[in-house]
Protein backbone atom coordinates (compact mmCIF):
# COMPACT_ATOMS: atom_id res chain seq x y z
CA MET A 1 0.14 0.14 -0.01
CA SER A 2 2.84 2.37 -0.19
CA GLU A 3 5.53 3.19 -2.77
CA SER A 4 8.64 5.65 -3.14
CA LYS A 5 7.63 9.33 -2.78
CA ASP A 6 10.23 10.02 -5.64
CA ALA A 7 8.59 7.72 -7.84
CA ALA A 8 5.10 8.94 -7.16
CA LEU A 9 5.66 12.70 -7.67
CA ALA A 10 8.56 14.41 -9.15
CA PRO A 11 9.35 17.69 -7.17
CA ASP A 12 8.50 19.70 -10.21
CA THR A 13 5.04 18.23 -10.56
CA GLU A 14 4.07 17.88 -6.85
CA PRO A 15 0.64 19.47 -6.25
CA GLN A 16 1.05 22.92 -4.45
CA VAL A 17 -1.04 22.48 -1.20
CA LEU A 18 -0.72 23.79 2.44
CA ALA A 19 0.94 20.79 3.33
CA ASN A 20 4.02 21.34 1.13
CA ILE A 21 4.04 25.05 0.37
CA ARG A 22 6.91 26.90 2.35
CA PRO A 23 5.78 29.88 4.10
CA THR A 24 7.07 33.30 2.85
CA PRO A 25 8.69 35.64 5.31
CA GLY A 26 5.38 37.70 5.63
CA GLN A 27 3.56 34.41 6.47
CA ARG A 28 6.24 33.71 9.27
CA ARG A 29 5.89 37.18 10.68
CA LEU A 30 2.37 36.56 10.74
CA VAL A 31 2.69 33.72 12.77
CA ARG A 32 4.93 35.13 15.35
CA ALA A 33 2.53 38.11 15.64
CA PHE A 34 -0.37 35.71 16.36
CA LEU A 35 1.82 33.81 19.19
CA LEU A 36 2.42 37.14 20.65
CA VAL A 37 -1.21 37.92 20.77
CA LEU A 38 -2.03 34.71 22.35
CA LEU A 39 0.70 35.15 25.00
CA VAL A 40 -0.62 38.92 25.65
CA ILE A 41 -3.89 37.59 26.18
CA LEU A 42 -2.71 35.10 28.78
CA LEU A 43 -0.70 37.70 30.66
CA GLY A 44 -3.85 40.04 30.88
CA THR A 45 -5.85 37.26 32.15
CA TRP A 46 -3.54 35.98 34.89
CA PRO A 47 -4.03 38.63 37.41
CA PHE A 48 -8.02 38.26 37.23
CA ALA A 49 -8.11 34.51 36.68
CA ALA A 50 -10.21 34.20 39.71
CA LEU A 51 -12.71 36.74 38.71
CA LYS A 52 -16.19 35.01 39.02
CA LEU A 53 -18.33 35.58 35.81
CA PRO A 54 -22.07 34.87 35.17
CA GLU A 55 -22.83 31.29 34.55
CA VAL A 56 -24.13 30.58 31.09
CA HIS A 57 -25.29 27.00 31.08
CA ALA A 58 -25.84 26.99 27.04
CA PHE A 59 -22.15 28.04 26.58
CA ILE A 60 -20.69 24.46 26.75
CA PRO A 61 -23.16 22.95 24.27
CA THR A 62 -22.62 26.08 21.97
CA LEU A 63 -18.66 25.74 22.30
CA ALA A 64 -18.99 22.05 21.70
CA ALA A 65 -20.88 22.29 18.56
CA ALA A 66 -18.44 24.98 17.29
CA LEU A 67 -15.69 22.84 17.96
CA LEU A 68 -17.07 19.75 16.52
CA VAL A 69 -17.91 21.58 13.33
CA SER A 70 -14.16 23.14 13.31
CA ASP A 71 -12.50 19.90 13.85
CA CYS A 72 -14.32 17.90 11.72
CA VAL A 73 -13.98 20.48 8.60
CA THR A 74 -10.33 20.73 9.46
CA ALA A 75 -10.09 16.95 9.43
CA ALA A 76 -11.99 16.73 6.14
CA LEU A 77 -9.63 19.27 4.47
CA LEU A 78 -6.65 17.42 5.63
CA PHE A 79 -7.90 14.08 4.42
CA ALA A 80 -8.24 15.78 1.02
CA GLN A 81 -4.82 16.78 1.01
CA PHE A 82 -3.81 13.14 1.96
CA SER A 83 -5.74 12.08 -1.00
CA ILE A 84 -3.61 14.52 -3.18
CA LEU A 85 0.01 14.31 -1.65
CA ARG A 86 -0.61 10.59 -0.12
CA GLN A 87 1.76 11.23 2.73
CA TRP A 88 1.02 9.07 5.90
CA ALA A 89 1.57 12.08 8.15
CA LEU A 90 -1.19 13.75 6.84
CA LEU A 91 -3.35 10.86 7.57
CA VAL A 92 -2.36 10.78 11.02
CA ILE A 93 -2.75 14.61 11.70
CA ALA A 94 -6.35 14.66 10.07
CA SER A 95 -7.16 11.58 12.23
CA GLY A 96 -6.12 13.60 15.05
CA TYR A 97 -8.32 16.55 14.27
CA LEU A 98 -11.18 14.22 13.80
CA PHE A 99 -10.74 12.63 17.40
CA SER A 100 -10.57 15.97 18.92
CA GLY A 101 -13.97 17.04 17.18
CA LEU A 102 -15.80 13.60 18.18
CA ILE A 103 -14.58 13.43 21.74
CA VAL A 104 -15.64 17.25 22.56
CA VAL A 105 -19.08 15.80 21.88
CA ALA A 106 -18.48 12.91 24.51
CA HIS A 107 -17.25 15.44 26.82
CA ALA A 108 -20.20 17.83 26.51
CA LEU A 109 -22.68 14.98 27.25
CA THR A 110 -20.64 14.07 30.66
CA PHE A 111 -20.23 18.08 31.61
CA PRO A 112 -22.33 18.44 34.59
CA GLY A 113 -24.93 21.07 34.02
CA ALA A 114 -24.36 21.33 30.23
CA PHE A 115 -27.75 19.88 28.96
CA THR A 116 -29.33 19.11 32.14
CA PRO A 117 -28.76 19.74 35.81
CA ILE A 118 -27.69 16.34 36.40
CA ASP A 119 -25.36 13.95 34.29
CA PHE A 120 -27.87 11.77 32.06
CA SER A 121 -24.72 9.72 30.37
CA GLY A 122 -24.77 7.31 33.13
CA GLY A 123 -21.18 8.62 34.26
CA GLY A 124 -20.11 10.51 37.40
CA LEU A 125 -18.15 13.72 37.59
CA GLU A 126 -14.88 12.00 36.82
CA SER A 127 -16.01 11.12 33.25
CA ALA A 128 -15.79 14.59 32.14
CA VAL A 129 -12.43 15.11 33.88
CA TRP A 130 -10.97 12.00 31.89
CA LEU A 131 -12.51 12.63 28.57
CA TYR A 132 -11.23 16.19 28.76
CA ARG A 133 -7.76 14.74 29.27
CA PHE A 134 -7.98 12.10 26.56
CA TRP A 135 -9.37 15.31 24.41
CA HIS A 136 -6.14 17.27 24.99
CA VAL A 137 -3.95 14.32 24.48
CA GLY A 138 -5.20 13.44 21.26
CA LEU A 139 -3.94 16.32 19.21
CA PRO A 140 -0.36 16.21 20.49
CA LEU A 141 0.00 12.75 20.12
CA ALA A 142 -1.22 13.08 16.37
CA VAL A 143 1.04 15.99 15.75
CA ILE A 144 4.14 13.79 17.00
CA GLY A 145 3.20 11.25 14.55
CA TYR A 146 2.66 13.69 11.95
CA ALA A 147 6.36 15.28 12.54
CA LEU A 148 7.88 11.97 12.63
CA LEU A 149 6.14 10.59 9.19
CA LYS A 150 6.01 13.87 7.36
CA ASP A 151 9.78 13.55 6.09
CA THR A 152 9.53 9.99 5.33
CA ASN A 153 10.14 8.90 1.76
CA ARG A 154 6.99 6.63 1.51
CA VAL A 155 3.64 7.54 0.22
CA ALA A 156 0.28 5.63 0.01
CA ASP A 157 -0.64 3.70 -2.95
CA PRO A 158 -3.22 5.72 -4.77
CA ARG A 159 -5.43 2.59 -5.02
CA PHE A 160 -5.79 2.63 -1.46
CA THR A 161 -6.17 6.19 -0.34
CA GLY A 162 -9.92 6.06 -0.07
CA ARG A 163 -9.76 2.69 2.02
CA ALA A 164 -7.02 4.42 4.08
CA ILE A 165 -9.27 7.17 4.98
CA SER A 166 -12.41 4.99 5.47
CA PHE A 167 -10.45 2.82 8.02
CA SER A 168 -9.11 5.97 9.81
CA ILE A 169 -12.15 7.53 10.43
CA ALA A 170 -13.92 4.13 11.52
CA GLY A 171 -10.80 3.69 13.82
CA VAL A 172 -11.37 7.16 15.29
CA LEU A 173 -15.04 6.93 15.60
CA ALA A 174 -14.39 3.27 17.39
CA LEU A 175 -11.93 4.71 19.68
CA VAL A 176 -13.86 7.67 20.79
CA ILE A 177 -17.05 5.43 21.49
CA GLY A 178 -14.95 3.19 23.40
CA LEU A 179 -13.27 5.71 25.72
CA PHE A 180 -16.72 7.16 26.43
CA TRP A 181 -18.33 4.01 27.41
CA PHE A 182 -15.17 3.06 29.66
CA VAL A 183 -15.20 6.27 31.63
CA THR A 184 -18.90 6.24 32.07
CA GLN A 185 -19.21 2.60 33.00
CA TYR A 186 -16.13 2.29 35.19
CA GLU A 187 -15.54 5.55 36.61
CA ASP A 188 -14.48 3.84 39.86
CA LEU A 189 -11.41 2.59 38.17
CA PRO A 190 -9.63 5.72 37.29
CA LEU A 191 -7.75 7.64 39.86
CA ILE A 192 -10.53 9.97 41.37
CA THR A 193 -9.86 13.55 41.24
CA PHE A 194 -13.11 15.26 41.75
CA VAL A 195 -15.93 14.96 44.42
CA ASP A 196 -18.90 17.31 43.99
CA VAL A 197 -17.17 19.19 41.45
CA ARG A 198 -14.23 20.16 43.71
CA PRO A 199 -10.81 18.74 43.09
CA LEU A 200 -9.94 16.03 45.82
CA SER A 201 -6.55 16.07 45.12
CA GLU A 202 -4.53 18.78 43.51
CA PHE A 203 -1.40 16.56 43.20
CA ARG A 204 -3.48 14.04 41.06
CA SER A 205 -4.88 16.90 39.04
CA PHE A 206 -1.28 18.26 38.70
CA ILE A 207 -0.02 14.93 37.38
CA GLY A 208 -2.71 15.01 34.54
CA VAL A 209 -1.72 18.23 33.58
CA MET A 210 1.78 17.64 33.55
CA VAL A 211 1.23 14.70 31.36
CA ILE A 212 -0.74 16.84 28.56
CA LEU A 213 2.02 19.68 29.04
CA ALA A 214 4.82 17.14 28.28
CA LEU A 215 3.24 15.60 25.42
CA SER A 216 2.57 19.10 23.89
CA SER A 217 6.17 20.01 24.65
CA ILE A 218 7.75 17.12 22.86
CA ALA A 219 5.35 17.74 19.83
CA LEU A 220 6.14 21.48 19.83
CA TRP A 221 9.83 20.54 19.93
CA LEU A 222 9.61 17.88 17.19
CA MET A 223 7.70 20.49 14.89
CA TRP A 224 9.91 23.40 15.54
CA ARG A 225 12.71 21.29 14.54
CA ARG A 226 11.05 19.91 11.52
CA GLN A 227 9.04 22.72 10.46
CA ARG A 228 8.82 23.01 6.41
CA SER A 229 5.54 24.07 5.54
CA LEU A 230 2.93 26.42 5.96
CA LEU A 231 0.61 23.81 7.74
CA ASP A 232 3.83 22.98 10.23
CA GLN A 233 3.80 26.69 11.04
CA TRP A 234 0.05 26.88 12.07
CA LEU A 235 -0.02 23.56 13.76
CA ILE A 236 2.72 25.12 15.97
CA VAL A 237 0.09 27.96 16.72
CA ALA A 238 -2.49 25.36 17.48
CA LEU A 239 -0.29 23.46 20.13
CA CYS A 240 0.57 26.82 21.71
CA ALA A 241 -3.05 27.40 22.01
CA LEU A 242 -3.74 24.27 23.66
CA VAL A 243 -0.95 24.68 26.05
CA LEU A 244 -2.01 28.21 27.09
CA GLU A 245 -5.47 26.78 27.63
CA VAL A 246 -4.37 24.13 30.10
CA VAL A 247 -2.22 26.52 31.88
CA LEU A 248 -5.35 28.79 32.33
CA VAL A 249 -7.89 25.98 33.30
CA SER A 250 -5.95 23.76 35.01
CA LEU A 251 -3.43 25.72 36.84
CA LEU A 252 -5.01 29.21 37.14
CA SER A 253 -8.47 28.73 37.41
CA THR A 254 -9.93 27.54 40.81
CA GLY A 255 -13.53 26.52 39.44
CA ARG A 256 -15.80 26.95 36.82
CA TYR A 257 -17.36 29.91 35.08
CA ASN A 258 -14.45 32.44 36.07
CA LEU A 259 -12.31 34.56 33.85
CA ALA A 260 -9.59 31.94 33.49
CA TRP A 261 -12.27 29.27 32.82
CA TYR A 262 -13.88 31.20 29.99
CA ALA A 263 -10.27 32.38 28.49
CA GLY A 264 -9.57 28.67 28.52
CA ARG A 265 -12.40 28.03 26.12
CA PHE A 266 -11.32 30.86 23.82
CA TYR A 267 -8.11 29.01 23.60
CA GLN A 268 -9.96 25.95 22.61
CA LEU A 269 -11.70 27.64 20.04
CA VAL A 270 -8.26 29.01 18.69
CA THR A 271 -6.80 25.49 18.65
CA ALA A 272 -9.82 23.80 16.72
CA THR A 273 -10.09 26.74 14.21
CA VAL A 274 -6.83 28.21 13.48
CA VAL A 275 -5.52 25.39 11.27
CA MET A 276 -9.04 25.21 9.39
CA ILE A 277 -9.14 29.13 8.92
CA VAL A 278 -5.74 28.99 7.15
CA LEU A 279 -6.86 25.93 4.99
CA LEU A 280 -9.74 27.43 3.83
CA ALA A 281 -7.99 30.89 3.17
CA GLU A 282 -5.40 28.86 1.13
CA MET A 283 -7.97 26.85 -0.58
CA ALA A 284 -9.60 30.20 -1.73
CA ARG A 285 -6.22 31.63 -2.87
CA LEU A 286 -5.73 28.38 -4.92
CA TYR A 287 -9.25 28.54 -6.43
CA ALA A 288 -8.69 32.22 -7.28
CA GLY A 289 -5.45 30.92 -8.84
CA LEU A 290 -7.09 28.17 -10.50
CA SER A 291 -9.70 30.61 -11.65
CA HIS A 292 -7.38 32.91 -13.15
CA SER A 293 -5.28 29.98 -14.74
CA ASN A 294 -8.79 28.90 -16.19
CA ALA A 295 -9.60 32.43 -17.63
CA MET A 296 -6.19 32.69 -19.14
CA LEU A 297 -6.58 29.35 -20.60
CA GLN A 298 -10.18 30.27 -21.98
CA HIS A 299 -8.48 33.42 -23.32
CA GLU A 300 -5.60 31.31 -25.14
CA ARG A 301 -8.18 29.12 -26.22
CA ILE A 302 -9.89 31.87 -28.03
CA ARG A 303 -6.79 33.63 -29.43
CA LEU A 304 -5.87 30.12 -30.70
CA GLN A 305 -9.23 29.33 -32.07
CA ARG A 306 -9.02 32.96 -33.81
CA ALA A 307 -5.73 31.88 -35.06
CA ILE A 308 -6.89 28.69 -36.63
CA ASP A 309 -9.95 30.55 -38.00
CA ALA A 310 -7.75 33.17 -39.65
CA GLN A 311 -5.66 30.36 -40.88
CA ARG A 312 -8.72 28.73 -42.37
CA ARG A 313 -9.93 31.73 -43.89
CA GLU A 314 -6.49 32.43 -45.24
CA ARG A 315 -6.63 28.89 -46.81
CA ASP A 316 -10.09 29.45 -48.27
CA ALA A 317 -9.30 32.72 -49.53
CA ARG A 318 -6.19 31.18 -51.37
CA LEU A 319 -8.58 28.20 -52.64
CA ILE A 320 -11.01 31.05 -53.69
CA THR A 321 -8.38 33.16 -55.18
CA GLY A 322 -6.95 30.21 -57.16
CA ASP A 323 -10.71 29.43 -58.38
CA ALA A 324 -10.92 32.97 -59.29
CA VAL A 325 -7.52 32.94 -61.24
CA ALA A 326 -8.63 29.92 -63.11
CA ALA A 327 -12.10 31.18 -63.75
CA THR A 328 -10.65 34.73 -64.91
CA ILE A 329 -8.22 33.21 -67.21
CA ALA A 330 -10.76 30.95 -68.95
CA HIS A 331 -13.25 33.69 -69.15
CA GLU A 332 -10.70 36.36 -70.59
CA VAL A 333 -8.73 33.93 -72.80
CA LYS A 334 -12.07 32.34 -74.36
CA GLN A 335 -12.79 35.25 -76.50
CA PRO A 336 -9.09 35.70 -78.12
CA LEU A 337 -9.27 31.87 -78.56
CA ALA A 338 -12.47 32.09 -80.25
CA ALA A 339 -11.41 34.91 -82.59
CA MET A 340 -8.30 32.99 -83.41
CA THR A 341 -10.29 29.93 -84.28
CA THR A 342 -12.53 31.97 -86.44
CA ARG A 343 -9.79 33.73 -88.38
CA CYS A 344 -7.76 30.48 -88.64
CA ASP A 345 -10.96 29.00 -90.47
CA ALA A 346 -11.13 32.01 -92.61
CA GLY A 347 -7.45 31.77 -93.71
CA LEU A 348 -7.77 28.30 -94.36
CA ARG A 349 -10.84 28.82 -96.55
CA TRP A 350 -8.75 31.62 -98.54
CA LEU A 351 -6.14 29.09 -99.17
CA ASP A 352 -8.46 26.24 -100.18
CA ARG A 353 -9.95 28.19 -103.05
CA THR A 354 -9.26 27.19 -106.49
CA VAL A 355 -7.17 30.33 -106.88
CA PRO A 356 -5.93 30.75 -103.20
CA ASP A 357 -6.10 34.49 -102.03
CA ILE A 358 -2.53 34.47 -100.44
CA ASP A 359 -3.17 38.41 -99.28
CA LYS A 360 -6.41 37.66 -97.39
CA ALA A 361 -5.24 34.59 -96.01
CA LYS A 362 -2.08 36.35 -94.84
CA ALA A 363 -4.11 39.21 -93.49
CA ALA A 364 -6.33 36.40 -91.44
CA PHE A 365 -3.18 34.81 -90.15
CA MET A 366 -1.59 37.99 -89.12
CA ARG A 367 -4.77 38.76 -87.02
CA VAL A 368 -4.54 35.41 -85.33
CA ALA A 369 -1.09 36.27 -84.29
CA ALA A 370 -2.13 39.58 -83.01
CA ASP A 371 -5.06 37.78 -81.06
CA GLY A 372 -2.48 35.49 -79.68
CA HIS A 373 -0.33 38.37 -78.50
CA ARG A 374 -3.48 39.83 -77.06
CA ALA A 375 -4.24 36.40 -75.13
CA ALA A 376 -0.67 36.56 -73.64
CA GLU A 377 -1.19 40.04 -72.55
CA VAL A 378 -4.36 39.23 -71.23
CA ILE A 379 -2.91 36.40 -69.02
CA GLU A 380 -0.05 38.77 -68.00
CA SER A 381 -2.53 41.29 -67.02
CA ILE A 382 -4.66 38.86 -64.77
CA ARG A 383 -1.74 37.69 -62.99
CA ALA A 384 -0.65 41.26 -62.30
CA ASN A 385 -4.16 42.12 -61.05
CA PHE A 386 -4.14 39.23 -58.52
CA ARG A 387 -0.50 39.94 -57.72
CA LYS A 388 -1.49 43.55 -57.20
CA ASP A 389 1.57 44.55 -59.08
CA ALA A 390 1.98 48.10 -60.22
CA ARG A 391 0.92 48.44 -63.97
CA VAL A 392 2.54 50.41 -66.45
CA ARG A 393 0.02 53.20 -67.48
CA VAL A 394 0.47 54.74 -70.94
CA PRO A 395 -1.27 57.65 -72.61
CA LEU A 396 -4.37 56.26 -74.48
CA ASP A 397 -6.90 57.58 -76.93
CA VAL A 398 -10.36 56.54 -75.61
CA GLY A 399 -11.90 56.84 -78.95
CA ASN A 400 -9.12 54.69 -80.57
CA LEU A 401 -9.62 52.06 -77.73
CA ILE A 402 -13.52 51.79 -78.41
CA GLU A 403 -12.92 51.72 -82.08
CA GLU A 404 -10.43 48.63 -81.79
CA ALA A 405 -12.66 46.74 -79.32
CA ILE A 406 -15.70 46.97 -81.84
CA THR A 407 -13.19 45.83 -84.57
CA LEU A 408 -12.19 42.77 -82.55
CA LEU A 409 -15.87 41.81 -81.99
CA GLU A 410 -17.35 42.63 -85.53
CA ASP A 411 -17.87 39.19 -86.21
CA ASP A 412 -19.91 38.54 -83.53
CA LEU A 413 -21.77 41.81 -84.09
CA ARG A 414 -22.35 41.04 -87.84
CA ARG A 415 -23.43 37.11 -86.92
CA HIS A 416 -26.06 38.37 -84.63
CA ARG A 417 -27.07 41.18 -86.73
CA ILE A 418 -26.38 43.83 -84.04
CA LEU A 419 -26.16 47.50 -85.37
CA ALA A 420 -22.98 49.30 -83.37
CA LYS A 421 -23.31 53.03 -82.92
CA VAL A 422 -20.10 54.78 -81.50
CA ALA A 423 -20.78 58.39 -80.13
CA ARG A 424 -17.33 60.04 -79.72
CA SER A 425 -16.51 63.09 -77.80
CA GLU A 426 -16.14 66.32 -79.64
CA LEU A 427 -12.92 66.49 -77.50
CA PRO A 428 -10.20 64.00 -77.97
CA LEU A 429 -10.23 61.89 -74.58
CA ARG A 430 -7.12 60.70 -73.39
CA LEU A 431 -6.26 58.73 -70.47
CA MET A 432 -3.08 57.58 -68.57
CA ALA A 433 -4.30 53.72 -68.23
CA ASP A 434 -3.27 50.14 -69.03
CA ARG A 435 -4.13 49.39 -72.32
CA THR A 436 -4.96 45.72 -72.04
CA GLN A 437 -7.10 45.72 -68.87
CA LEU A 438 -9.27 48.49 -70.26
CA GLN A 439 -9.73 46.90 -73.29
CA GLN A 440 -10.50 43.72 -71.37
CA VAL A 441 -13.48 45.94 -69.67
CA LEU A 442 -14.85 47.24 -72.87
CA LEU A 443 -14.76 43.53 -74.51
CA ASN A 444 -16.53 42.03 -71.40
CA LEU A 445 -19.20 44.77 -71.68
CA ILE A 446 -19.48 44.59 -75.25
CA THR A 447 -19.78 40.66 -75.29
CA ASN A 448 -22.41 41.07 -72.45
CA THR A 449 -24.57 43.41 -74.41
CA VAL A 450 -24.24 40.97 -77.33
CA GLU A 451 -25.43 37.99 -75.37
CA ALA A 452 -28.03 40.08 -73.83
CA MET A 453 -29.72 40.74 -77.21
CA THR A 454 -29.38 37.22 -79.11
CA ALA A 455 -32.85 36.21 -77.33
CA VAL A 456 -34.53 39.52 -78.61
CA ASP A 457 -36.53 39.81 -81.78
CA GLY A 458 -36.41 43.10 -83.54
CA VAL A 459 -33.94 45.92 -83.76
CA ARG A 460 -30.51 45.22 -81.77
CA VAL A 461 -28.49 48.00 -81.12
CA LEU A 462 -25.32 48.25 -79.32
CA SER A 463 -24.42 52.06 -78.24
CA VAL A 464 -20.98 52.96 -77.07
CA ASN A 465 -20.45 56.82 -75.90
CA SER A 466 -17.67 58.60 -74.46
CA ARG A 467 -17.51 61.82 -72.70
CA LEU A 468 -15.44 64.24 -70.59
CA LEU A 469 -17.06 65.20 -67.22
CA ASP A 470 -16.81 68.41 -65.49
CA GLU A 471 -14.53 67.56 -62.89
CA GLY A 472 -12.12 66.03 -65.52
CA SER A 473 -13.12 62.51 -65.28
CA VAL A 474 -13.83 60.37 -68.35
CA GLU A 475 -17.24 58.54 -68.69
CA ILE A 476 -17.61 55.69 -71.11
CA SER A 477 -21.27 53.86 -71.45
CA VAL A 478 -22.28 50.59 -73.17
CA SER A 479 -25.81 50.28 -73.96
CA ASP A 480 -27.87 47.72 -75.27
CA THR A 481 -31.51 46.68 -76.19
CA GLY A 482 -31.50 43.28 -74.79
CA VAL A 483 -33.58 41.77 -72.03
CA GLY A 484 -32.23 43.77 -69.33
CA ILE A 485 -31.21 43.17 -65.65
CA ASP A 486 -33.58 42.24 -63.06
CA PRO A 487 -33.40 44.99 -60.21
CA LYS A 488 -32.99 42.51 -57.46
CA ASP A 489 -29.76 41.65 -59.36
CA ALA A 490 -28.60 45.02 -60.17
CA GLN A 491 -25.83 44.94 -57.32
CA ARG A 492 -25.03 41.00 -57.09
CA ILE A 493 -23.86 41.10 -60.84
CA PHE A 494 -20.54 42.31 -59.58
CA ASP A 495 -19.92 39.73 -57.19
CA SER A 496 -17.69 36.90 -58.12
CA PHE A 497 -19.05 33.68 -59.53
CA PHE A 498 -22.71 35.31 -59.62
CA THR A 499 -24.42 34.97 -62.99
CA THR A 500 -27.49 34.88 -64.68
CA LYS A 501 -26.62 33.00 -67.67
CA SER A 502 -26.92 29.24 -67.93
CA GLY A 503 -23.28 28.79 -69.28
CA GLY A 504 -21.91 31.71 -67.49
CA MET A 505 -18.88 31.79 -65.10
CA GLY A 506 -19.87 34.96 -63.10
CA MET A 507 -16.34 36.40 -63.32
CA GLY A 508 -16.51 39.34 -66.42
CA LEU A 509 -18.50 41.82 -64.41
CA SER A 510 -16.46 41.24 -61.32
CA ILE A 511 -13.15 41.80 -63.46
CA CYS A 512 -14.55 44.76 -65.00
CA ARG A 513 -15.25 46.40 -61.75
CA SER A 514 -11.78 45.34 -60.05
CA ILE A 515 -9.89 46.92 -63.21
CA VAL A 516 -12.07 50.29 -63.07
CA GLU A 517 -11.58 50.49 -59.48
CA ALA A 518 -7.84 50.18 -59.91
CA HIS A 519 -7.67 53.18 -62.06
CA ASP A 520 -9.64 55.09 -59.40
CA GLY A 521 -13.01 55.05 -61.21
CA MET A 522 -16.34 53.18 -60.54
CA LEU A 523 -18.63 50.81 -62.54
CA TRP A 524 -22.49 50.62 -62.28
CA VAL A 525 -25.43 49.79 -64.54
CA VAL A 526 -28.83 51.43 -64.80
CA PRO A 527 -31.93 50.24 -67.07
CA ASN A 528 -32.10 51.40 -70.60
CA VAL A 529 -34.97 53.23 -72.17
CA PRO A 530 -37.18 51.67 -73.81
CA ARG A 531 -35.45 48.45 -72.81
CA GLY A 532 -32.14 46.78 -71.99
CA SER A 533 -29.28 48.09 -69.78
CA THR A 534 -26.78 50.63 -69.79
CA PHE A 535 -23.25 50.08 -68.04
CA HIS A 536 -21.40 53.35 -67.23
CA PHE A 537 -17.84 53.61 -65.98
CA VAL A 538 -15.95 56.60 -65.11
CA LEU A 539 -12.05 56.74 -64.85
CA GLY A 540 -10.94 59.15 -62.15
CA ALA A 541 -9.48 62.74 -63.18
CA GLY A 542 -6.04 61.58 -62.05
CA THR A 543 -6.02 59.08 -65.03
CA ALA A 544 -7.17 61.85 -67.63
CA ASP A 545 -4.29 63.25 -69.70
CA PRO A 546 -4.57 66.83 -70.74
CA PRO A 547 -4.48 67.81 -74.28
CA THR A 548 -0.94 67.90 -75.63
CA SER A 549 -1.40 69.60 -79.25
CA ALA A 550 -2.17 73.05 -80.13
CA GLU A 551 -5.39 72.22 -81.89
CA ASP A 552 -6.50 69.97 -78.85
CA ARG A 553 -5.63 73.02 -76.33
CA SER A 554 -7.68 75.33 -78.83
CA ARG A 555 -10.70 72.82 -78.94
CA SER A 556 -10.66 72.50 -74.78
CA PRO A 557 -13.47 73.90 -72.86
CA GLN A 558 -10.95 75.82 -70.66
CA SER A 559 -9.22 77.69 -73.60
């Protein structure tokens, strides 16, 4: 049922409780101050020890109840510490406090006049005296056992701690019942020291007191030499209070209900409660530390969870970004590839004629090459956009940019019987911008208008307008006479992966808005009259390039 203490608990992992916490200098000073107060109370009581005070017959039962509760609580706390540290010394001192608490009840039952005018326990006057002596011998003996065992290297086996506590409680209870039965049934056997509540022999009484004081002195000497923990310090205080009580009650008091007798009961209360109070205070401190540690762990758990969530969001963002890059490349490269395929077919047809038209085939293949270069520029533009690289901006003519976009899509416009109307500004509009990216915007918007008008019968008109705003910004609008946009989707159409088309990818308008905003502009859509939609985008004044030629300056409104 025992094992090595070193094997059971390493010093660094041993739980910190009252039985193994070393006292701080401040705690040592508090113990000395408490002992000094106890001694001062004794010295102040000494001259008036025989002073008669009122007889309070309810005092003994009340005190006995308080001592029982205090000693039993102390025993329970010490049993708990034994179950943690498994030191046999703690089991011994816990049993000692339990013995003190239980024998107090036996003493109160035999105390003359405590509950009734006569003793109803079956014993005589001598029974209370002997139970008092057993009571005051029990704690010093327990402290002696504690002092002798606390530095040993053996601890209880964790499988048997509960059983050891149960056996100790049962043994103490049996001992108290046995002593109570013996002193009440055989009171004529012990040496008689009281007759009619007065001492028969002061010498016999003196011998009993000396035995208690001798055992207490031995316990104090052992504890003083072997004190290590905070529990050791306060056990010394409890023993000192017990010694002072015995001195007051047995040597200075000449009877009951005088000042010395009442003061002795105060010291009894100190003996029973001082360790309990320190144990409860230490438990409260440890609980506060545990609560603080739990709060810190909870805070760290929240921080860890936030970090995990941030990593998850970052991973999801990378996945979404990857999906967006793939979708953007597929969306933007689809148009140049389609144009390349169409022009390759056209070039092959020119070559397949009976008389091949080399010039037209050559022109078609040159446009294929141009589309291939444009596809490479589109891919590089997309990479730069997702890398947030600073793009090189060059002066651009807005009118020429619009004409190029219409030219690139003229085959689609012709195939779907769409009339293209371009309204250029009276003034030459020039911008400092990324040519490829703005061309992407125009091509995406025009392609959307073409797709919106394929399901509409009647006249199909594409209108592209440009104008200079008063604040110096440039506005470009692309209008169609198609099916229009549902008002509830007017804002969502610019979100990534949102589309109203069965075969759409939901990236075109998102890319357009991203490019426009990168040029300090904004993009929005409004209904067209009588039907269809109009996309407007404004490029900030910082991108507008002032007129450079004399002719431009003469036509400028500022001239």
